[in-house]
Amino acid sequence: MKMEHVGIMVNDMDESLAFYQNILGLELRSREWLNETVELAFLFYPEQPSVEVELVYGGPVENEGIVNHLAFTVENIEAELVRFKEAGVKLVDEEPLTVLNGKVKIAFFQGPNGEKLELVER
């Protein structure tokens, strides 16, 4: 089996698409209305096309499960934090944290809907 997608409720589809495409570098696979009130957009990385981020606009917000954060791999976390700060992204961690016996660097930031996101450098 494999990871299929992660769904994120968004307040503004256009703003969220711009963030996930321009800041995180995902590509839009499809955008469509599910019904009169719910719009969906599916994004992916070309290097990992089988896993998608699904943006969901409209409809009721559900509290059925708890997702703590989404993580994205980067090659140079310090450079990405500078780029994010210059782009106005709200950083939770201004500097990367070193974890797992010094083998991994991480930093948290927020998406446009307040979603908790993480950069990981291995």
PDB file of N, CA and C in Angstrom:
ATOM      1  N   MET A   1       0.849  -1.180   0.000  1.00  0.00           N
ATOM      2  CA  MET A   1       0.000   0.000   0.000  1.00  0.00           C
ATOM      3  C   MET A   1       0.889   1.237   0.000  1.00  0.00           C
ATOM      4  N   LYS A   2       0.257   2.393  -0.158  1.00  0.00           N
ATOM      5  CA  LYS A   2       1.008   3.641  -0.227  1.00  0.00           C
ATOM      6  C   LYS A   2       0.178   4.780   0.338  1.00  0.00           C
ATOM      7  N   MET A   3       0.855   5.886   0.601  1.00  0.00           N
ATOM      8  CA  MET A   3       0.169   7.101   1.023  1.00  0.00           C
ATOM      9  C   MET A   3      -0.542   7.680  -0.191  1.00  0.00           C
ATOM     10  N   GLU A   4      -1.789   8.051  -0.065  1.00  0.00           N
ATOM     11  CA  GLU A   4      -2.591   8.572  -1.172  1.00  0.00           C
ATOM     12  C   GLU A   4      -2.592  10.108  -1.167  1.00  0.00           C
ATOM     13  N   HIS A   5      -3.206  10.699  -0.138  1.00  0.00           N
ATOM     14  CA  HIS A   5      -3.247  12.154  -0.042  1.00  0.00           C
ATOM     15  C   HIS A   5      -3.575  12.588   1.377  1.00  0.00           C
ATOM     16  N   VAL A   6      -3.353  13.863   1.630  1.00  0.00           N
ATOM     17  CA  VAL A   6      -3.721  14.493   2.901  1.00  0.00           C
ATOM     18  C   VAL A   6      -4.625  15.661   2.555  1.00  0.00           C
ATOM     19  N   GLY A   7      -5.765  15.760   3.206  1.00  0.00           N
ATOM     20  CA  GLY A   7      -6.713  16.842   2.951  1.00  0.00           C
ATOM     21  C   GLY A   7      -6.566  17.959   3.967  1.00  0.00           C
ATOM     22  N   ILE A   8      -6.590  19.194   3.473  1.00  0.00           N
ATOM     23  CA  ILE A   8      -6.472  20.378   4.327  1.00  0.00           C
ATOM     24  C   ILE A   8      -7.640  21.305   4.023  1.00  0.00           C
ATOM     25  N   MET A   9      -8.392  21.678   5.057  1.00  0.00           N
ATOM     26  CA  MET A   9      -9.471  22.647   4.905  1.00  0.00           C
ATOM     27  C   MET A   9      -8.851  24.027   4.734  1.00  0.00           C
ATOM     28  N   VAL A  10      -9.333  24.795   3.744  1.00  0.00           N
ATOM     29  CA  VAL A  10      -8.778  26.121   3.482  1.00  0.00           C
ATOM     30  C   VAL A  10      -9.878  27.175   3.513  1.00  0.00           C
ATOM     31  N   ASN A  11      -9.476  28.401   3.843  1.00  0.00           N
ATOM     32  CA  ASN A  11     -10.411  29.528   3.898  1.00  0.00           C
ATOM     33  C   ASN A  11     -10.537  30.240   2.552  1.00  0.00           C
ATOM     34  N   ASP A  12      -9.480  30.204   1.753  1.00  0.00           N
ATOM     35  CA  ASP A  12      -9.445  30.896   0.466  1.00  0.00           C
ATOM     36  C   ASP A  12      -8.663  30.009  -0.498  1.00  0.00           C
ATOM     37  N   MET A  13      -9.333  29.443  -1.480  1.00  0.00           N
ATOM     38  CA  MET A  13      -8.690  28.497  -2.386  1.00  0.00           C
ATOM     39  C   MET A  13      -7.569  29.154  -3.183  1.00  0.00           C
ATOM     40  N   ASP A  14      -7.802  30.349  -3.718  1.00  0.00           N
ATOM     41  CA  ASP A  14      -6.777  30.994  -4.536  1.00  0.00           C
ATOM     42  C   ASP A  14      -5.525  31.300  -3.712  1.00  0.00           C
ATOM     43  N   GLU A  15      -5.697  31.826  -2.506  1.00  0.00           N
ATOM     44  CA  GLU A  15      -4.556  32.127  -1.638  1.00  0.00           C
ATOM     45  C   GLU A  15      -3.803  30.850  -1.282  1.00  0.00           C
ATOM     46  N   SER A  16      -4.525  29.796  -0.965  1.00  0.00           N
ATOM     47  CA  SER A  16      -3.899  28.536  -0.586  1.00  0.00           C
ATOM     48  C   SER A  16      -3.165  27.903  -1.754  1.00  0.00           C
ATOM     49  N   LEU A  17      -3.762  27.943  -2.944  1.00  0.00           N
ATOM     50  CA  LEU A  17      -3.087  27.419  -4.133  1.00  0.00           C
ATOM     51  C   LEU A  17      -1.795  28.189  -4.408  1.00  0.00           C
ATOM     52  N   ALA A  18      -1.840  29.501  -4.286  1.00  0.00           N
ATOM     53  CA  ALA A  18      -0.637  30.309  -4.504  1.00  0.00           C
ATOM     54  C   ALA A  18       0.457  29.918  -3.509  1.00  0.00           C
ATOM     55  N   PHE A  19       0.095  29.713  -2.262  1.00  0.00           N
ATOM     56  CA  PHE A  19       1.072  29.335  -1.235  1.00  0.00           C
ATOM     57  C   PHE A  19       1.689  27.970  -1.538  1.00  0.00           C
ATOM     58  N   TYR A  20       0.861  26.978  -1.761  1.00  0.00           N
ATOM     59  CA  TYR A  20       1.371  25.621  -1.968  1.00  0.00           C
ATOM     60  C   TYR A  20       2.141  25.489  -3.289  1.00  0.00           C
ATOM     61  N   GLN A  21       1.796  26.295  -4.284  1.00  0.00           N
ATOM     62  CA  GLN A  21       2.520  26.253  -5.549  1.00  0.00           C
ATOM     63  C   GLN A  21       3.780  27.126  -5.504  1.00  0.00           C
ATOM     64  N   ASN A  22       3.650  28.373  -5.101  1.00  0.00           N
ATOM     65  CA  ASN A  22       4.759  29.319  -5.179  1.00  0.00           C
ATOM     66  C   ASN A  22       5.757  29.180  -4.040  1.00  0.00           C
ATOM     67  N   ILE A  23       5.310  28.857  -2.846  1.00  0.00           N
ATOM     68  CA  ILE A  23       6.205  28.738  -1.692  1.00  0.00           C
ATOM     69  C   ILE A  23       6.741  27.317  -1.567  1.00  0.00           C
ATOM     70  N   LEU A  24       5.866  26.322  -1.664  1.00  0.00           N
ATOM     71  CA  LEU A  24       6.279  24.931  -1.454  1.00  0.00           C
ATOM     72  C   LEU A  24       6.604  24.188  -2.747  1.00  0.00           C
ATOM     73  N   GLY A  25       6.290  24.754  -3.881  1.00  0.00           N
ATOM     74  CA  GLY A  25       6.691  24.161  -5.150  1.00  0.00           C
ATOM     75  C   GLY A  25       5.863  22.992  -5.643  1.00  0.00           C
ATOM     76  N   LEU A  26       4.667  22.790  -5.095  1.00  0.00           N
ATOM     77  CA  LEU A  26       3.813  21.723  -5.599  1.00  0.00           C
ATOM     78  C   LEU A  26       3.177  22.158  -6.910  1.00  0.00           C
ATOM     79  N   GLU A  27       2.770  21.191  -7.714  1.00  0.00           N
ATOM     80  CA  GLU A  27       2.088  21.462  -8.969  1.00  0.00           C
ATOM     81  C   GLU A  27       0.622  21.064  -8.869  1.00  0.00           C
ATOM     82  N   LEU A  28      -0.220  21.835  -9.521  1.00  0.00           N
ATOM     83  CA  LEU A  28      -1.656  21.579  -9.515  1.00  0.00           C
ATOM     84  C   LEU A  28      -1.990  20.462 -10.490  1.00  0.00           C
ATOM     85  N   ARG A  29      -2.618  19.408  -9.979  1.00  0.00           N
ATOM     86  CA  ARG A  29      -3.068  18.309 -10.838  1.00  0.00           C
ATOM     87  C   ARG A  29      -4.482  18.573 -11.334  1.00  0.00           C
ATOM     88  N   SER A  30      -5.364  18.985 -10.416  1.00  0.00           N
ATOM     89  CA  SER A  30      -6.741  19.279 -10.815  1.00  0.00           C
ATOM     90  C   SER A  30      -7.395  20.176  -9.781  1.00  0.00           C
ATOM     91  N   ARG A  31      -8.383  20.922 -10.259  1.00  0.00           N
ATOM     92  CA  ARG A  31      -9.184  21.798  -9.405  1.00  0.00           C
ATOM     93  C   ARG A  31     -10.609  21.721  -9.919  1.00  0.00           C
ATOM     94  N   GLU A  32     -11.544  21.388  -9.024  1.00  0.00           N
ATOM     95  CA  GLU A  32     -12.927  21.229  -9.457  1.00  0.00           C
ATOM     96  C   GLU A  32     -13.886  21.378  -8.297  1.00  0.00           C
ATOM     97  N   TRP A  33     -15.118  21.665  -8.622  1.00  0.00           N
ATOM     98  CA  TRP A  33     -16.176  21.750  -7.617  1.00  0.00           C
ATOM     99  C   TRP A  33     -16.767  20.363  -7.419  1.00  0.00           C
ATOM    100  N   LEU A  34     -16.795  19.918  -6.170  1.00  0.00           N
ATOM    101  CA  LEU A  34     -17.396  18.633  -5.822  1.00  0.00           C
ATOM    102  C   LEU A  34     -18.917  18.738  -5.894  1.00  0.00           C
ATOM    103  N   ASN A  35     -19.434  19.858  -5.435  1.00  0.00           N
ATOM    104  CA  ASN A  35     -20.859  20.174  -5.490  1.00  0.00           C
ATOM    105  C   ASN A  35     -20.990  21.693  -5.446  1.00  0.00           C
ATOM    106  N   GLU A  36     -22.160  22.231  -5.107  1.00  0.00           N
ATOM    107  CA  GLU A  36     -22.376  23.684  -5.126  1.00  0.00           C
ATOM    108  C   GLU A  36     -21.568  24.426  -4.067  1.00  0.00           C
ATOM    109  N   THR A  37     -21.117  23.741  -3.026  1.00  0.00           N
ATOM    110  CA  THR A  37     -20.469  24.439  -1.915  1.00  0.00           C
ATOM    111  C   THR A  37     -19.037  24.004  -1.625  1.00  0.00           C
ATOM    112  N   VAL A  38     -18.582  22.914  -2.216  1.00  0.00           N
ATOM    113  CA  VAL A  38     -17.253  22.387  -1.894  1.00  0.00           C
ATOM    114  C   VAL A  38     -16.376  22.348  -3.146  1.00  0.00           C
ATOM    115  N   GLU A  39     -15.228  23.003  -3.062  1.00  0.00           N
ATOM    116  CA  GLU A  39     -14.249  22.993  -4.151  1.00  0.00           C
ATOM    117  C   GLU A  39     -13.014  22.230  -3.687  1.00  0.00           C
ATOM    118  N   LEU A  40     -12.447  21.428  -4.586  1.00  0.00           N
ATOM    119  CA  LEU A  40     -11.265  20.630  -4.286  1.00  0.00           C
ATOM    120  C   LEU A  40     -10.137  20.995  -5.243  1.00  0.00           C
ATOM    121  N   ALA A  41      -8.906  20.928  -4.725  1.00  0.00           N
ATOM    122  CA  ALA A  41      -7.725  21.075  -5.575  1.00  0.00           C
ATOM    123  C   ALA A  41      -6.712  20.029  -5.125  1.00  0.00           C
ATOM    124  N   PHE A  42      -6.093  19.365  -6.090  1.00  0.00           N
ATOM    125  CA  PHE A  42      -5.103  18.328  -5.795  1.00  0.00           C
ATOM    126  C   PHE A  42      -3.751  18.772  -6.328  1.00  0.00           C
ATOM    127  N   LEU A  43      -2.749  18.762  -5.435  1.00  0.00           N
ATOM    128  CA  LEU A  43      -1.394  19.180  -5.783  1.00  0.00           C
ATOM    129  C   LEU A  43      -0.418  18.056  -5.508  1.00  0.00           C
ATOM    130  N   PHE A  44       0.746  18.089  -6.193  1.00  0.00           N
ATOM    131  CA  PHE A  44       1.723  17.011  -6.042  1.00  0.00           C
ATOM    132  C   PHE A  44       3.107  17.535  -6.404  1.00  0.00           C
ATOM    133  N   TYR A  45       4.117  16.791  -6.019  1.00  0.00           N
ATOM    134  CA  TYR A  45       5.484  17.038  -6.467  1.00  0.00           C
ATOM    135  C   TYR A  45       5.763  16.114  -7.648  1.00  0.00           C
ATOM    136  N   PRO A  46       6.342  16.618  -8.737  1.00  0.00           N
ATOM    137  CA  PRO A  46       6.653  15.752  -9.880  1.00  0.00           C
ATOM    138  C   PRO A  46       7.541  14.568  -9.498  1.00  0.00           C
ATOM    139  N   GLU A  47       8.411  14.748  -8.492  1.00  0.00           N
ATOM    140  CA  GLU A  47       9.293  13.670  -8.055  1.00  0.00           C
ATOM    141  C   GLU A  47       8.553  12.596  -7.250  1.00  0.00           C
ATOM    142  N   GLN A  48       7.330  12.908  -6.819  1.00  0.00           N
ATOM    143  CA  GLN A  48       6.535  11.981  -6.011  1.00  0.00           C
ATOM    144  C   GLN A  48       5.062  12.133  -6.405  1.00  0.00           C
ATOM    145  N   PRO A  49       4.722  11.838  -7.645  1.00  0.00           N
ATOM    146  CA  PRO A  49       3.385  12.148  -8.148  1.00  0.00           C
ATOM    147  C   PRO A  49       2.246  11.328  -7.550  1.00  0.00           C
ATOM    148  N   SER A  50       2.560  10.246  -6.856  1.00  0.00           N
ATOM    149  CA  SER A  50       1.484   9.406  -6.328  1.00  0.00           C
ATOM    150  C   SER A  50       0.940   9.908  -4.996  1.00  0.00           C
ATOM    151  N   VAL A  51       1.591  10.897  -4.373  1.00  0.00           N
ATOM    152  CA  VAL A  51       1.113  11.454  -3.101  1.00  0.00           C
ATOM    153  C   VAL A  51       0.635  12.875  -3.351  1.00  0.00           C
ATOM    154  N   GLU A  52      -0.594  13.165  -2.920  1.00  0.00           N
ATOM    155  CA  GLU A  52      -1.177  14.479  -3.172  1.00  0.00           C
ATOM    156  C   GLU A  52      -1.532  15.210  -1.884  1.00  0.00           C
ATOM    157  N   VAL A  53      -1.531  16.534  -1.978  1.00  0.00           N
ATOM    158  CA  VAL A  53      -2.116  17.398  -0.964  1.00  0.00           C
ATOM    159  C   VAL A  53      -3.444  17.855  -1.556  1.00  0.00           C
ATOM    160  N   GLU A  54      -4.522  17.580  -0.841  1.00  0.00           N
ATOM    161  CA  GLU A  54      -5.850  17.980  -1.298  1.00  0.00           C
ATOM    162  C   GLU A  54      -6.290  19.193  -0.495  1.00  0.00           C
ATOM    163  N   LEU A  55      -6.589  20.286  -1.184  1.00  0.00           N
ATOM    164  CA  LEU A  55      -7.125  21.473  -0.542  1.00  0.00           C
ATOM    165  C   LEU A  55      -8.640  21.420  -0.673  1.00  0.00           C
ATOM    166  N   VAL A  56      -9.341  21.653   0.445  1.00  0.00           N
ATOM    167  CA  VAL A  56     -10.800  21.562   0.470  1.00  0.00           C
ATOM    168  C   VAL A  56     -11.355  22.902   0.920  1.00  0.00           C
ATOM    169  N   TYR A  57     -12.143  23.545   0.055  1.00  0.00           N
ATOM    170  CA  TYR A  57     -12.775  24.820   0.383  1.00  0.00           C
ATOM    171  C   TYR A  57     -14.280  24.626   0.471  1.00  0.00           C
ATOM    172  N   GLY A  58     -14.886  25.175   1.525  1.00  0.00           N
ATOM    173  CA  GLY A  58     -16.333  25.129   1.688  1.00  0.00           C
ATOM    174  C   GLY A  58     -16.761  23.884   2.444  1.00  0.00           C
ATOM    175  N   GLY A  59     -18.048  23.824   2.715  1.00  0.00           N
ATOM    176  CA  GLY A  59     -18.574  22.683   3.451  1.00  0.00           C
ATOM    177  C   GLY A  59     -18.257  22.788   4.935  1.00  0.00           C
ATOM    178  N   PRO A  60     -18.778  21.876   5.712  1.00  0.00           N
ATOM    179  CA  PRO A  60     -18.564  21.926   7.159  1.00  0.00           C
ATOM    180  C   PRO A  60     -17.137  21.510   7.534  1.00  0.00           C
ATOM    181  N   VAL A  61     -16.597  22.161   8.545  1.00  0.00           N
ATOM    182  CA  VAL A  61     -15.294  21.763   9.079  1.00  0.00           C
ATOM    183  C   VAL A  61     -15.534  20.578  10.000  1.00  0.00           C
ATOM    184  N   GLU A  62     -14.792  19.515   9.777  1.00  0.00           N
ATOM    185  CA  GLU A  62     -14.977  18.295  10.549  1.00  0.00           C
ATOM    186  C   GLU A  62     -13.909  18.165  11.621  1.00  0.00           C
ATOM    187  N   ASN A  63     -14.282  17.614  12.756  1.00  0.00           N
ATOM    188  CA  ASN A  63     -13.342  17.405  13.853  1.00  0.00           C
ATOM    189  C   ASN A  63     -13.178  15.921  14.147  1.00  0.00           C
ATOM    190  N   GLU A  64     -13.150  15.110  13.094  1.00  0.00           N
ATOM    191  CA  GLU A  64     -13.107  13.666  13.281  1.00  0.00           C
ATOM    192  C   GLU A  64     -11.739  13.131  13.629  1.00  0.00           C
ATOM    193  N   GLY A  65     -10.696  13.781  13.188  1.00  0.00           N
ATOM    194  CA  GLY A  65      -9.352  13.290  13.448  1.00  0.00           C
ATOM    195  C   GLY A  65      -8.424  14.449  13.691  1.00  0.00           C
ATOM    196  N   ILE A  66      -7.257  14.157  14.190  1.00  0.00           N
ATOM    197  CA  ILE A  66      -6.290  15.208  14.466  1.00  0.00           C
ATOM    198  C   ILE A  66      -5.030  14.933  13.655  1.00  0.00           C
ATOM    199  N   VAL A  67      -4.685  15.861  12.793  1.00  0.00           N
ATOM    200  CA  VAL A  67      -3.415  15.812  12.075  1.00  0.00           C
ATOM    201  C   VAL A  67      -2.571  16.918  12.680  1.00  0.00           C
ATOM    202  N   ASN A  68      -1.385  16.586  13.180  1.00  0.00           N
ATOM    203  CA  ASN A  68      -0.546  17.576  13.837  1.00  0.00           C
ATOM    204  C   ASN A  68       0.155  18.476  12.833  1.00  0.00           C
ATOM    205  N   HIS A  69       0.730  17.908  11.777  1.00  0.00           N
ATOM    206  CA  HIS A  69       1.449  18.723  10.798  1.00  0.00           C
ATOM    207  C   HIS A  69       1.758  17.918   9.537  1.00  0.00           C
ATOM    208  N   LEU A  70       2.156  18.643   8.490  1.00  0.00           N
ATOM    209  CA  LEU A  70       2.669  18.040   7.264  1.00  0.00           C
ATOM    210  C   LEU A  70       4.135  18.432   7.168  1.00  0.00           C
ATOM    211  N   ALA A  71       4.985  17.519   6.710  1.00  0.00           N
ATOM    212  CA  ALA A  71       6.415  17.784   6.613  1.00  0.00           C
ATOM    213  C   ALA A  71       6.877  17.697   5.163  1.00  0.00           C
ATOM    214  N   PHE A  72       7.819  18.573   4.804  1.00  0.00           N
ATOM    215  CA  PHE A  72       8.363  18.647   3.453  1.00  0.00           C
ATOM    216  C   PHE A  72       9.884  18.579   3.528  1.00  0.00           C
ATOM    217  N   THR A  73      10.486  17.710   2.737  1.00  0.00           N
ATOM    218  CA  THR A  73      11.937  17.555   2.699  1.00  0.00           C
ATOM    219  C   THR A  73      12.570  18.689   1.900  1.00  0.00           C
ATOM    220  N   VAL A  74      13.677  19.222   2.416  1.00  0.00           N
ATOM    221  CA  VAL A  74      14.448  20.246   1.709  1.00  0.00           C
ATOM    222  C   VAL A  74      15.924  19.883   1.757  1.00  0.00           C
ATOM    223  N   GLU A  75      16.703  20.440   0.839  1.00  0.00           N
ATOM    224  CA  GLU A  75      18.139  20.180   0.822  1.00  0.00           C
ATOM    225  C   GLU A  75      18.913  21.145   1.699  1.00  0.00           C
ATOM    226  N   ASN A  76      18.462  22.413   1.820  1.00  0.00           N
ATOM    227  CA  ASN A  76      19.150  23.427   2.606  1.00  0.00           C
ATOM    228  C   ASN A  76      18.117  24.191   3.421  1.00  0.00           C
ATOM    229  N   ILE A  77      17.908  23.777   4.648  1.00  0.00           N
ATOM    230  CA  ILE A  77      16.840  24.336   5.470  1.00  0.00           C
ATOM    231  C   ILE A  77      17.076  25.807   5.794  1.00  0.00           C
ATOM    232  N   GLU A  78      18.326  26.196   6.010  1.00  0.00           N
ATOM    233  CA  GLU A  78      18.618  27.591   6.325  1.00  0.00           C
ATOM    234  C   GLU A  78      18.228  28.504   5.158  1.00  0.00           C
ATOM    235  N   ALA A  79      18.568  28.102   3.935  1.00  0.00           N
ATOM    236  CA  ALA A  79      18.224  28.889   2.752  1.00  0.00           C
ATOM    237  C   ALA A  79      16.707  28.967   2.574  1.00  0.00           C
ATOM    238  N   GLU A  80      16.020  27.872   2.828  1.00  0.00           N
ATOM    239  CA  GLU A  80      14.555  27.879   2.698  1.00  0.00           C
ATOM    240  C   GLU A  80      13.915  28.796   3.729  1.00  0.00           C
ATOM    241  N   LEU A  81      14.441  28.814   4.952  1.00  0.00           N
ATOM    242  CA  LEU A  81      13.892  29.702   5.984  1.00  0.00           C
ATOM    243  C   LEU A  81      14.075  31.171   5.591  1.00  0.00           C
ATOM    244  N   VAL A  82      15.208  31.502   5.006  1.00  0.00           N
ATOM    245  CA  VAL A  82      15.433  32.866   4.517  1.00  0.00           C
ATOM    246  C   VAL A  82      14.426  33.191   3.415  1.00  0.00           C
ATOM    247  N   ARG A  83      14.261  32.277   2.476  1.00  0.00           N
ATOM    248  CA  ARG A  83      13.318  32.491   1.367  1.00  0.00           C
ATOM    249  C   ARG A  83      11.892  32.649   1.882  1.00  0.00           C
ATOM    250  N   PHE A  84      11.498  31.791   2.833  1.00  0.00           N
ATOM    251  CA  PHE A  84      10.158  31.864   3.404  1.00  0.00           C
ATOM    252  C   PHE A  84       9.943  33.198   4.113  1.00  0.00           C
ATOM    253  N   LYS A  85      10.921  33.616   4.901  1.00  0.00           N
ATOM    254  CA  LYS A  85      10.806  34.883   5.643  1.00  0.00           C
ATOM    255  C   LYS A  85      10.651  36.045   4.668  1.00  0.00           C
ATOM    256  N   GLU A  86      11.452  36.054   3.612  1.00  0.00           N
ATOM    257  CA  GLU A  86      11.353  37.103   2.592  1.00  0.00           C
ATOM    258  C   GLU A  86       9.997  37.091   1.887  1.00  0.00           C
ATOM    259  N   ALA A  87       9.375  35.926   1.785  1.00  0.00           N
ATOM    260  CA  ALA A  87       8.072  35.799   1.137  1.00  0.00           C
ATOM    261  C   ALA A  87       6.914  36.099   2.098  1.00  0.00           C
ATOM    262  N   GLY A  88       7.235  36.385   3.360  1.00  0.00           N
ATOM    263  CA  GLY A  88       6.192  36.713   4.323  1.00  0.00           C
ATOM    264  C   GLY A  88       5.539  35.521   4.989  1.00  0.00           C
ATOM    265  N   VAL A  89       6.137  34.346   4.873  1.00  0.00           N
ATOM    266  CA  VAL A  89       5.597  33.155   5.524  1.00  0.00           C
ATOM    267  C   VAL A  89       5.809  33.289   7.029  1.00  0.00           C
ATOM    268  N   LYS A  90       4.788  32.943   7.812  1.00  0.00           N
ATOM    269  CA  LYS A  90       4.894  33.014   9.263  1.00  0.00           C
ATOM    270  C   LYS A  90       5.723  31.829   9.768  1.00  0.00           C
ATOM    271  N   LEU A  91       6.918  32.139  10.266  1.00  0.00           N
ATOM    272  CA  LEU A  91       7.812  31.108  10.780  1.00  0.00           C
ATOM    273  C   LEU A  91       7.555  30.889  12.256  1.00  0.00           C
ATOM    274  N   VAL A  92       7.425  29.639  12.649  1.00  0.00           N
ATOM    275  CA  VAL A  92       7.355  29.278  14.064  1.00  0.00           C
ATOM    276  C   VAL A  92       8.777  29.193  14.598  1.00  0.00           C
ATOM    277  N   ASP A  93       9.673  28.620  13.804  1.00  0.00           N
ATOM    278  CA  ASP A  93      11.093  28.502  14.152  1.00  0.00           C
ATOM    279  C   ASP A  93      11.898  29.363  13.188  1.00  0.00           C
ATOM    280  N   GLU A  94      12.534  30.411  13.710  1.00  0.00           N
ATOM    281  CA  GLU A  94      13.377  31.282  12.881  1.00  0.00           C
ATOM    282  C   GLU A  94      14.676  30.584  12.492  1.00  0.00           C
ATOM    283  N   GLU A  95      15.125  29.672  13.343  1.00  0.00           N
ATOM    284  CA  GLU A  95      16.343  28.903  13.098  1.00  0.00           C
ATOM    285  C   GLU A  95      15.982  27.418  13.178  1.00  0.00           C
ATOM    286  N   PRO A  96      16.661  26.565  12.407  1.00  0.00           N
ATOM    287  CA  PRO A  96      16.347  25.130  12.472  1.00  0.00           C
ATOM    288  C   PRO A  96      16.742  24.521  13.809  1.00  0.00           C
ATOM    289  N   LEU A  97      15.994  23.510  14.197  1.00  0.00           N
ATOM    290  CA  LEU A  97      16.288  22.721  15.389  1.00  0.00           C
ATOM    291  C   LEU A  97      16.981  21.450  14.935  1.00  0.00           C
ATOM    292  N   THR A  98      17.977  21.007  15.693  1.00  0.00           N
ATOM    293  CA  THR A  98      18.659  19.759  15.373  1.00  0.00           C
ATOM    294  C   THR A  98      18.091  18.673  16.273  1.00  0.00           C
ATOM    295  N   VAL A  99      17.663  17.559  15.653  1.00  0.00           N
ATOM    296  CA  VAL A  99      17.015  16.480  16.391  1.00  0.00           C
ATOM    297  C   VAL A  99      17.617  15.138  15.983  1.00  0.00           C
ATOM    298  N   LEU A 100      17.155  14.094  16.635  1.00  0.00           N
ATOM    299  CA  LEU A 100      17.566  12.721  16.339  1.00  0.00           C
ATOM    300  C   LEU A 100      19.092  12.576  16.318  1.00  0.00           C
ATOM    301  N   ASN A 101      19.700  12.921  17.455  1.00  0.00           N
ATOM    302  CA  ASN A 101      21.151  12.802  17.639  1.00  0.00           C
ATOM    303  C   ASN A 101      21.946  13.577  16.608  1.00  0.00           C
ATOM    304  N   GLY A 102      21.442  14.760  16.239  1.00  0.00           N
ATOM    305  CA  GLY A 102      22.162  15.624  15.320  1.00  0.00           C
ATOM    306  C   GLY A 102      22.075  15.227  13.862  1.00  0.00           C
ATOM    307  N   LYS A 103      21.243  14.265  13.528  1.00  0.00           N
ATOM    308  CA  LYS A 103      21.161  13.763  12.158  1.00  0.00           C
ATOM    309  C   LYS A 103      20.144  14.508  11.291  1.00  0.00           C
ATOM    310  N   VAL A 104      19.210  15.205  11.932  1.00  0.00           N
ATOM    311  CA  VAL A 104      18.112  15.832  11.201  1.00  0.00           C
ATOM    312  C   VAL A 104      17.911  17.259  11.699  1.00  0.00           C
ATOM    313  N   LYS A 105      17.652  18.171  10.743  1.00  0.00           N
ATOM    314  CA  LYS A 105      17.289  19.548  11.084  1.00  0.00           C
ATOM    315  C   LYS A 105      15.823  19.742  10.718  1.00  0.00           C
ATOM    316  N   ILE A 106      15.087  20.436  11.595  1.00  0.00           N
ATOM    317  CA  ILE A 106      13.673  20.704  11.336  1.00  0.00           C
ATOM    318  C   ILE A 106      13.354  22.162  11.658  1.00  0.00           C
ATOM    319  N   ALA A 107      12.293  22.661  11.079  1.00  0.00           N
ATOM    320  CA  ALA A 107      11.771  23.986  11.399  1.00  0.00           C
ATOM    321  C   ALA A 107      10.292  24.000  11.042  1.00  0.00           C
ATOM    322  N   PHE A 108       9.490  24.569  11.932  1.00  0.00           N
ATOM    323  CA  PHE A 108       8.049  24.650  11.709  1.00  0.00           C
ATOM    324  C   PHE A 108       7.669  26.033  11.193  1.00  0.00           C
ATOM    325  N   PHE A 109       6.598  26.072  10.386  1.00  0.00           N
ATOM    326  CA  PHE A 109       6.044  27.318   9.865  1.00  0.00           C
ATOM    327  C   PHE A 109       4.554  27.124   9.665  1.00  0.00           C
ATOM    328  N   GLN A 110       3.846  28.217   9.346  1.00  0.00           N
ATOM    329  CA  GLN A 110       2.403  28.129   9.171  1.00  0.00           C
ATOM    330  C   GLN A 110       2.006  28.362   7.730  1.00  0.00           C
ATOM    331  N   GLY A 111       0.990  27.615   7.308  1.00  0.00           N
ATOM    332  CA  GLY A 111       0.381  27.839   6.013  1.00  0.00           C
ATOM    333  C   GLY A 111      -0.619  28.973   6.108  1.00  0.00           C
ATOM    334  N   PRO A 112      -1.229  29.354   4.998  1.00  0.00           N
ATOM    335  CA  PRO A 112      -2.139  30.499   4.980  1.00  0.00           C
ATOM    336  C   PRO A 112      -3.425  30.294   5.770  1.00  0.00           C
ATOM    337  N   ASN A 113      -3.719  29.062   6.167  1.00  0.00           N
ATOM    338  CA  ASN A 113      -4.935  28.775   6.933  1.00  0.00           C
ATOM    339  C   ASN A 113      -4.614  28.449   8.378  1.00  0.00           C
ATOM    340  N   GLY A 114      -3.365  28.716   8.789  1.00  0.00           N
ATOM    341  CA  GLY A 114      -2.930  28.397  10.138  1.00  0.00           C
ATOM    342  C   GLY A 114      -2.469  26.964  10.295  1.00  0.00           C
ATOM    343  N   GLU A 115      -2.407  26.195   9.192  1.00  0.00           N
ATOM    344  CA  GLU A 115      -1.973  24.807   9.285  1.00  0.00           C
ATOM    345  C   GLU A 115      -0.495  24.749   9.672  1.00  0.00           C
ATOM    346  N   LYS A 116      -0.162  23.776  10.516  1.00  0.00           N
ATOM    347  CA  LYS A 116       1.209  23.591  10.989  1.00  0.00           C
ATOM    348  C   LYS A 116       1.969  22.763   9.958  1.00  0.00           C
ATOM    349  N   LEU A 117       3.072  23.340   9.446  1.00  0.00           N
ATOM    350  CA  LEU A 117       3.877  22.700   8.423  1.00  0.00           C
ATOM    351  C   LEU A 117       5.325  22.638   8.896  1.00  0.00           C
ATOM    352  N   GLU A 118       6.090  21.700   8.341  1.00  0.00           N
ATOM    353  CA  GLU A 118       7.460  21.488   8.806  1.00  0.00           C
ATOM    354  C   GLU A 118       8.402  21.299   7.631  1.00  0.00           C
ATOM    355  N   LEU A 119       9.598  21.858   7.746  1.00  0.00           N
ATOM    356  CA  LEU A 119      10.689  21.569   6.832  1.00  0.00           C
ATOM    357  C   LEU A 119      11.600  20.569   7.497  1.00  0.00           C
ATOM    358  N   VAL A 120      12.133  19.621   6.724  1.00  0.00           N
ATOM    359  CA  VAL A 120      13.024  18.588   7.238  1.00  0.00           C
ATOM    360  C   VAL A 120      14.237  18.490   6.314  1.00  0.00           C
ATOM    361  N   GLU A 121      15.429  18.572   6.906  1.00  0.00           N
ATOM    362  CA  GLU A 121      16.665  18.343   6.160  1.00  0.00           C
ATOM    363  C   GLU A 121      17.353  17.145   6.783  1.00  0.00           C
ATOM    364  N   ARG A 122      17.553  16.084   5.986  1.00  0.00           N
ATOM    365  CA  ARG A 122      18.225  14.862   6.471  1.00  0.00           C
ATOM    366  C   ARG A 122      19.608  14.751   5.882  1.00  0.00           C
TER     367      ARG A 122
END
